[in-house]
Protein backbone atom coordinates (compact mmCIF):
# COMPACT_ATOMS: atom_id res chain seq x y z
CA MET A 1 120.70 148.00 13.40
CA ASP A 2 122.49 146.17 16.15
CA ALA A 3 120.20 147.72 18.76
CA LEU A 4 117.13 146.53 16.85
CA ALA A 5 118.51 142.98 16.65
CA LYS A 6 119.18 142.96 20.39
CA GLN A 7 115.61 144.05 21.11
CA LYS A 8 114.24 141.23 18.95
CA LYS A 9 116.42 138.69 20.72
CA THR A 10 115.31 139.97 24.15
CA ARG A 11 111.64 139.79 23.15
CA LEU A 12 112.13 136.25 21.83
CA ALA A 13 113.82 135.16 25.08
CA LEU A 14 111.03 136.64 27.20
CA SER A 15 108.39 134.99 25.03
CA LEU A 16 110.11 131.61 25.40
CA VAL A 17 110.29 132.04 29.19
CA LEU A 18 106.59 132.97 29.31
CA ILE A 19 105.65 129.97 27.17
CA ALA A 20 107.75 127.71 29.40
CA VAL A 21 106.07 128.98 32.59
CA VAL A 22 102.57 128.58 31.14
CA SER A 23 103.41 125.12 29.82
CA TRP A 24 104.85 124.04 33.19
CA LYS A 25 101.71 125.13 35.05
CA PHE A 26 99.51 123.26 32.56
CA PHE A 27 101.46 120.05 32.01
CA TYR A 28 103.05 119.53 35.46
CA PRO A 29 99.83 118.35 37.23
CA ILE A 30 99.26 115.88 34.37
CA LEU A 31 102.83 114.58 34.51
CA ALA A 32 103.01 114.55 38.32
CA GLN A 33 99.64 112.83 38.91
CA PRO A 34 100.98 109.24 38.72
CA LEU A 35 103.87 110.14 41.03
CA GLN A 36 101.50 111.77 43.56
CA ALA A 37 99.21 108.73 43.47
CA LYS A 38 102.19 106.48 44.15
CA GLN A 39 103.24 108.68 47.08
CA GLU A 40 99.71 108.55 48.56
CA LEU A 41 99.63 104.77 48.12
CA ILE A 42 102.99 104.41 49.84
CA ALA A 43 101.82 106.64 52.73
CA SER A 44 98.62 104.62 53.05
CA GLU A 45 100.51 101.32 53.10
CA THR A 46 102.92 102.74 55.69
CA ARG A 47 100.03 103.70 57.97
CA GLY A 48 98.53 100.25 57.53
CA LEU A 49 101.82 98.57 58.44
CA GLU A 50 102.19 100.79 61.53
CA SER A 51 98.63 99.94 62.63
CA LEU A 52 99.29 96.24 62.08
CA GLN A 53 102.51 96.48 64.08
CA SER A 54 100.65 98.26 66.90
CA ARG A 55 97.95 95.56 67.02
CA PHE A 56 100.60 92.85 66.89
CA ASP A 57 102.46 94.45 69.81
CA LEU A 58 99.20 94.73 71.78
CA TYR A 59 98.35 91.08 71.08
CA SER A 60 101.87 90.00 72.09
CA ASN A 61 101.68 92.00 75.32
CA TYR A 62 98.30 90.47 76.18
CA LEU A 63 99.60 86.95 75.62
CA ALA A 64 102.78 87.65 77.59
CA GLN A 65 100.72 88.99 80.50
CA ILE A 66 98.40 85.99 80.44
CA ARG A 67 101.28 83.52 80.32
CA SER A 68 103.20 85.29 83.09
CA THR A 69 100.24 85.59 85.49
CA GLY A 70 98.46 82.35 84.64
CA MET A 71 95.28 84.28 83.82
CA LYS A 72 92.89 83.28 81.06
CA SER A 73 90.88 85.46 78.68
CA LEU A 74 87.13 85.34 78.10
CA PRO A 75 85.56 83.46 75.15
CA PRO A 76 86.68 84.76 71.72
CA ASP A 77 83.19 85.95 70.70
CA SER A 78 82.87 89.39 72.29
CA MET A 79 79.09 89.41 72.84
CA THR A 80 79.09 85.89 74.28
CA ALA A 81 81.99 86.94 76.48
CA ALA A 82 80.12 90.07 77.66
CA ILE A 83 76.98 88.14 78.61
CA ARG A 84 78.87 85.35 80.38
CA TYR A 85 81.12 87.84 82.15
CA GLN A 86 78.11 89.83 83.40
CA GLU A 87 76.43 86.69 84.78
CA TRP A 88 79.70 85.58 86.35
CA VAL A 89 80.12 88.96 88.08
CA ARG A 90 76.49 88.76 89.28
CA GLY A 91 77.28 85.38 90.84
CA LEU A 92 80.30 86.88 92.62
CA CYS A 93 78.06 89.65 94.00
CA GLU A 94 75.70 87.04 95.44
CA THR A 95 78.60 85.08 96.91
CA ALA A 96 79.93 88.29 98.48
CA GLY A 97 76.56 88.86 100.19
CA MET A 98 75.44 91.75 97.98
CA ALA A 99 71.67 91.84 97.50
CA GLU A 100 70.10 93.01 94.21
CA PRO A 101 73.07 94.70 92.49
CA THR A 102 72.48 96.54 89.21
CA LEU A 103 74.80 95.31 86.43
CA THR A 104 75.10 96.89 82.98
CA ILE A 105 77.11 95.89 79.90
CA LYS A 106 78.71 98.44 77.63
CA GLU A 107 79.33 97.78 73.96
CA PRO A 108 82.54 95.71 73.64
CA VAL A 109 85.49 97.72 72.35
CA LEU A 110 86.75 95.77 69.31
CA GLU A 111 90.40 95.68 68.28
CA GLU A 112 90.88 94.22 64.80
CA ASP A 113 92.89 90.97 64.68
CA VAL A 114 93.28 91.05 68.49
CA GLY A 115 89.87 90.67 70.15
CA ALA A 116 87.76 92.91 72.33
CA LYS A 117 87.55 94.65 75.71
CA VAL A 118 84.38 93.74 77.61
CA GLN A 119 83.05 96.34 80.06
CA VAL A 120 80.65 95.76 82.98
CA SER A 121 79.48 98.23 85.65
CA ILE A 122 78.14 97.38 89.12
CA ARG A 123 75.91 99.68 91.18
CA ALA A 124 74.66 98.53 94.59
CA THR A 125 74.11 99.43 98.23
CA ALA A 126 75.83 96.95 100.51
CA SER A 127 77.67 96.42 103.78
CA LEU A 128 81.41 97.02 104.07
CA GLU A 129 81.90 93.28 104.52
CA ALA A 130 80.11 92.55 101.22
CA VAL A 131 82.19 95.20 99.44
CA GLY A 132 85.41 93.68 100.78
CA ASN A 133 84.26 90.19 99.82
CA LEU A 134 83.51 91.29 96.24
CA VAL A 135 86.89 92.98 95.77
CA ASP A 136 88.53 89.86 97.21
CA LEU A 137 86.65 87.56 94.82
CA LEU A 138 87.41 89.71 91.79
CA SER A 139 91.13 89.84 92.59
CA ALA A 140 91.36 86.10 93.31
CA ALA A 141 89.87 85.06 89.95
CA ALA A 142 92.04 83.73 87.12
CA VAL A 143 90.20 85.88 84.55
CA ALA A 144 92.23 88.50 82.67
CA HIS A 145 90.30 91.53 83.91
CA ARG A 146 90.74 94.56 86.14
CA ILE A 147 88.88 97.04 88.33
CA VAL A 148 88.95 100.31 86.40
CA LYS A 149 87.12 102.41 89.03
CA LEU A 150 85.80 101.78 92.53
CA GLU A 151 83.79 104.45 94.35
CA LEU A 152 82.18 104.33 97.80
CA LYS A 153 79.84 107.06 99.03
CA ASP A 154 76.74 107.85 101.11
CA TRP A 155 77.64 105.87 104.22
CA ASP A 156 74.52 104.98 106.21
CA ALA A 157 75.63 104.58 109.82
CA LEU A 158 72.29 103.32 111.09
CA GLY A 159 71.94 100.67 108.41
CA SER A 160 75.71 100.01 108.21
CA SER A 161 75.55 100.22 104.41
CA ILE A 162 77.35 102.18 101.72
CA ALA A 163 76.71 102.96 98.04
CA LEU A 164 79.08 101.06 95.75
CA SER A 165 80.07 101.85 92.15
CA ILE A 166 82.54 99.57 90.31
CA ASP A 167 83.60 99.64 86.64
CA LEU A 168 85.29 96.49 85.29
CA ASP A 169 86.80 95.50 81.98
CA ALA A 170 87.92 92.07 80.83
CA LEU A 171 89.85 90.68 77.88
CA SER A 172 88.31 88.63 75.07
CA LEU A 173 91.16 87.56 72.80
CA LYS A 174 90.48 86.40 69.27
CA ASP A 175 91.80 82.86 68.55
CA ASN A 176 93.24 82.64 72.06
CA PRO A 177 95.01 79.29 72.58
CA THR A 178 94.73 79.64 76.37
CA PHE A 179 90.91 79.85 76.47
CA ASN A 180 89.28 77.45 78.92
CA PRO A 181 85.55 76.76 78.23
CA ASN A 182 84.97 76.15 81.94
CA LEU A 183 86.81 79.28 83.04
CA LEU A 184 83.75 81.08 84.42
CA ALA A 185 82.36 77.92 86.02
CA GLN A 186 85.18 77.61 88.54
CA SER A 187 84.31 78.37 92.16
CA ILE A 188 86.26 81.07 93.98
CA GLU A 189 86.52 81.54 97.74
CA THR A 190 87.16 84.78 99.58
CA ARG A 191 90.36 85.17 101.57
CA GLY A 192 88.81 87.08 104.47
CA LEU A 193 89.21 90.68 103.28
CA GLY A 194 85.52 91.44 103.83
CA ARG A 195 85.56 90.18 107.39
CA PHE A 196 88.74 92.15 108.08
CA ILE A 197 87.16 95.38 106.79
CA ASP A 198 84.01 94.76 108.81
CA ASP A 199 86.03 93.99 111.95
CA ARG A 200 87.76 97.37 111.65
CA LYS A 201 84.73 98.65 113.56
CA SER A 202 86.09 96.79 116.60
CA PHE A 203 89.24 98.92 116.76
CA SER A 204 89.29 100.93 120.03
CA ARG A 205 85.82 99.63 120.86
CA TYR A 206 84.76 99.95 124.48
CA VAL A 207 84.44 96.52 126.11
CA PRO A 208 82.33 96.46 129.30
CA PRO A 209 83.63 94.37 132.20
CA GLN A 210 82.50 90.75 132.18
CA ARG A 211 80.67 89.23 135.10
CA VAL A 212 82.55 86.39 136.80
CA PRO A 213 80.30 83.54 137.98
CA ILE A 214 80.70 82.71 141.68
CA GLU A 215 80.48 79.10 142.83
CA MET A 216 79.22 78.70 146.39
CA GLU A 217 79.39 75.70 148.69
CA PRO A 218 76.14 74.38 150.24
CA GLY A 219 75.21 76.37 153.34
CA GLU A 220 77.34 79.37 152.41
CA SER A 221 75.77 82.78 152.13
CA MET A 222 76.89 85.69 150.00
CA ALA A 223 77.27 89.13 151.43
CA VAL A 224 75.40 91.76 149.44
CA SER A 225 77.00 95.15 149.06
CA THR A 226 74.77 98.16 149.61
CA ALA A 227 77.24 100.45 147.83
CA ARG A 228 76.02 101.94 144.57
CA PRO A 229 77.85 100.72 141.46
CA PRO A 230 80.27 103.20 139.91
CA ARG A 231 78.69 105.56 137.44
CA PRO A 232 79.61 104.68 133.79
CA ASP A 233 82.02 106.99 132.01
CA PHE A 234 79.78 108.00 129.13
CA LEU A 235 82.45 110.13 127.45
CA ASN A 236 84.86 107.19 127.39
CA ALA A 237 82.27 105.11 125.54
CA VAL A 238 81.80 107.57 122.65
CA LEU A 239 84.55 107.68 120.02
CA LEU A 240 85.03 109.13 116.55
CA VAL A 241 85.13 106.22 114.06
CA GLY A 242 84.74 107.89 110.66
CA ILE A 243 84.45 111.00 108.49
CA VAL A 244 82.09 110.69 105.53
CA GLN A 245 80.86 112.94 102.74
CA ARG A 246 77.16 113.12 101.92
CA ASN A 247 75.78 115.48 99.30
CA GLY A 248 79.07 117.34 99.39
CA ALA A 249 78.93 118.04 103.15
CA PRO A 250 81.25 116.41 105.71
CA ARG A 251 79.76 114.36 108.52
CA ALA A 252 81.32 112.89 111.63
CA LEU A 253 80.40 109.35 112.65
CA LEU A 254 80.63 108.62 116.38
CA ARG A 255 79.94 105.26 118.01
CA ASP A 256 78.31 105.02 121.45
CA ASN A 257 79.54 101.66 122.74
CA LEU A 258 77.40 101.82 125.88
CA LYS A 259 74.17 102.14 123.95
CA GLY A 260 75.41 100.24 120.90
CA VAL A 261 74.37 102.94 118.41
CA ASP A 262 76.09 105.11 115.79
CA LEU A 263 75.67 108.88 115.87
CA VAL A 264 76.08 111.16 112.84
CA TYR A 265 76.77 114.87 113.30
CA GLU A 266 76.98 117.72 110.80
CA LEU A 267 78.49 121.20 111.13
CA ASN A 268 76.85 123.45 113.76
CA GLN A 269 75.03 120.52 115.36
CA GLN A 270 75.13 120.15 119.14
CA ILE A 271 76.50 117.00 120.79
CA GLN A 272 74.89 116.01 124.09
CA VAL A 273 76.43 113.09 125.99
CA ASP A 274 75.26 112.83 129.61
CA ASP A 275 76.17 116.23 131.14
CA PHE A 276 78.66 117.05 128.34
CA SER A 277 77.49 119.49 125.69
CA ALA A 278 79.40 121.01 122.74
CA THR A 279 78.86 122.32 119.20
CA VAL A 280 80.52 120.93 116.05
CA THR A 281 82.47 123.80 114.49
CA SER A 282 84.59 121.99 111.86
CA ILE A 283 85.11 118.56 110.30
CA ASP A 284 88.15 117.62 108.24
CA GLY A 285 89.49 114.34 106.88
CA VAL A 286 90.94 113.07 110.17
CA SER A 287 89.21 114.94 113.00
CA MET A 288 86.35 117.10 114.21
CA THR A 289 86.46 120.25 116.34
CA LEU A 290 84.00 121.04 119.12
CA ALA A 291 83.33 124.35 120.84
CA GLN A 292 82.31 124.42 124.51
CA GLY A 293 82.01 128.03 125.52
CA ASP A 294 85.45 129.53 124.97
CA LYS A 295 87.10 126.08 124.89
CA ILE A 296 88.04 124.36 121.64
CA ILE A 297 88.18 120.54 121.74
CA ARG A 298 89.71 118.53 118.89
CA VAL A 299 88.65 114.88 118.52
CA ALA A 300 90.86 112.75 116.26
CA LEU A 301 89.78 109.56 114.49
CA GLY A 302 89.80 106.62 116.92
CA GLN A 303 89.78 108.94 119.95
CA THR A 304 87.07 109.03 122.62
CA LEU A 305 85.49 112.21 123.90
CA ARG A 306 87.06 111.48 127.31
CA GLN A 307 90.55 111.36 125.78
CA SER A 308 89.94 114.65 123.97
CA VAL A 309 88.64 116.44 127.09
CA ASP A 310 91.45 115.08 129.29
CA TRP A 311 94.05 116.20 126.75
CA LEU A 312 92.53 119.67 126.70
CA ASN A 313 92.88 119.87 130.50
CA GLU A 314 96.56 118.92 130.43
CA PRO A 315 98.97 121.83 130.93
CA ASN A 316 100.68 121.29 127.58
CA GLY A 317 97.57 120.40 125.63
CA VAL A 318 97.52 122.39 122.40
CA PHE A 319 94.60 122.51 119.98
């Protein structure tokens, strides 16, 4: 009898446990739904506050930078700012001496409650002086902007031009108290960077001797020399002035200061200067190597062919 009672009690306990488990699985989602909704709402509000704090920090940093540097942002309306900024950059290109540049505007990157980032790209073929002038003008302006990327390639020695690619972005703050309506109407002057870059072609340039005028008294005669003038040193007039990349291949740029021309050589090309002949065997970032029979001649940037040959003939010359 006692054993039967215990079995009934055990069955009753198991049934209650089973009912409790089934009830929990059925009623818990209903009871927990309001709590879960509140948790999701709290998480959503937290993300919103963090985003607002991030935008506030960004806005504060922008204003602090503008106040510390004295720069000004573009007009608050992003599209107006993009158009005016593009035309302003085009004017700087003309001032720099850059003919027919291609300018494109990208869609402004909006930042809620802060403003926008305006993006303009420049593509052109210009002289080194014009490139230097443009960089100088951009850096001298009081506009809150920056050069994101600047790329130079495809140097044309004969035309003294180079392909230019510049990506810019500028700041258009919303409700900016420092905005000046006449900001982009202010004239900017270059500080001479373009001329300095262009004059770099004068470094180590061969300068022929200048003729000195002779003043003679009446009745005096001038003796005429029958001696032949000294033969020019052609190798001393040719120097390595640059290493450029074109279509992925290195090229050496040499300047002949006697003839006033630039010479471009690729790998395996033969150099012929007066009675000097050699083959280009390698070109790296700072030099070129020539082969003349079993002799190897290394020409460094800024060095003339005469200096390279003389160094090779020195007892301790190592190449």
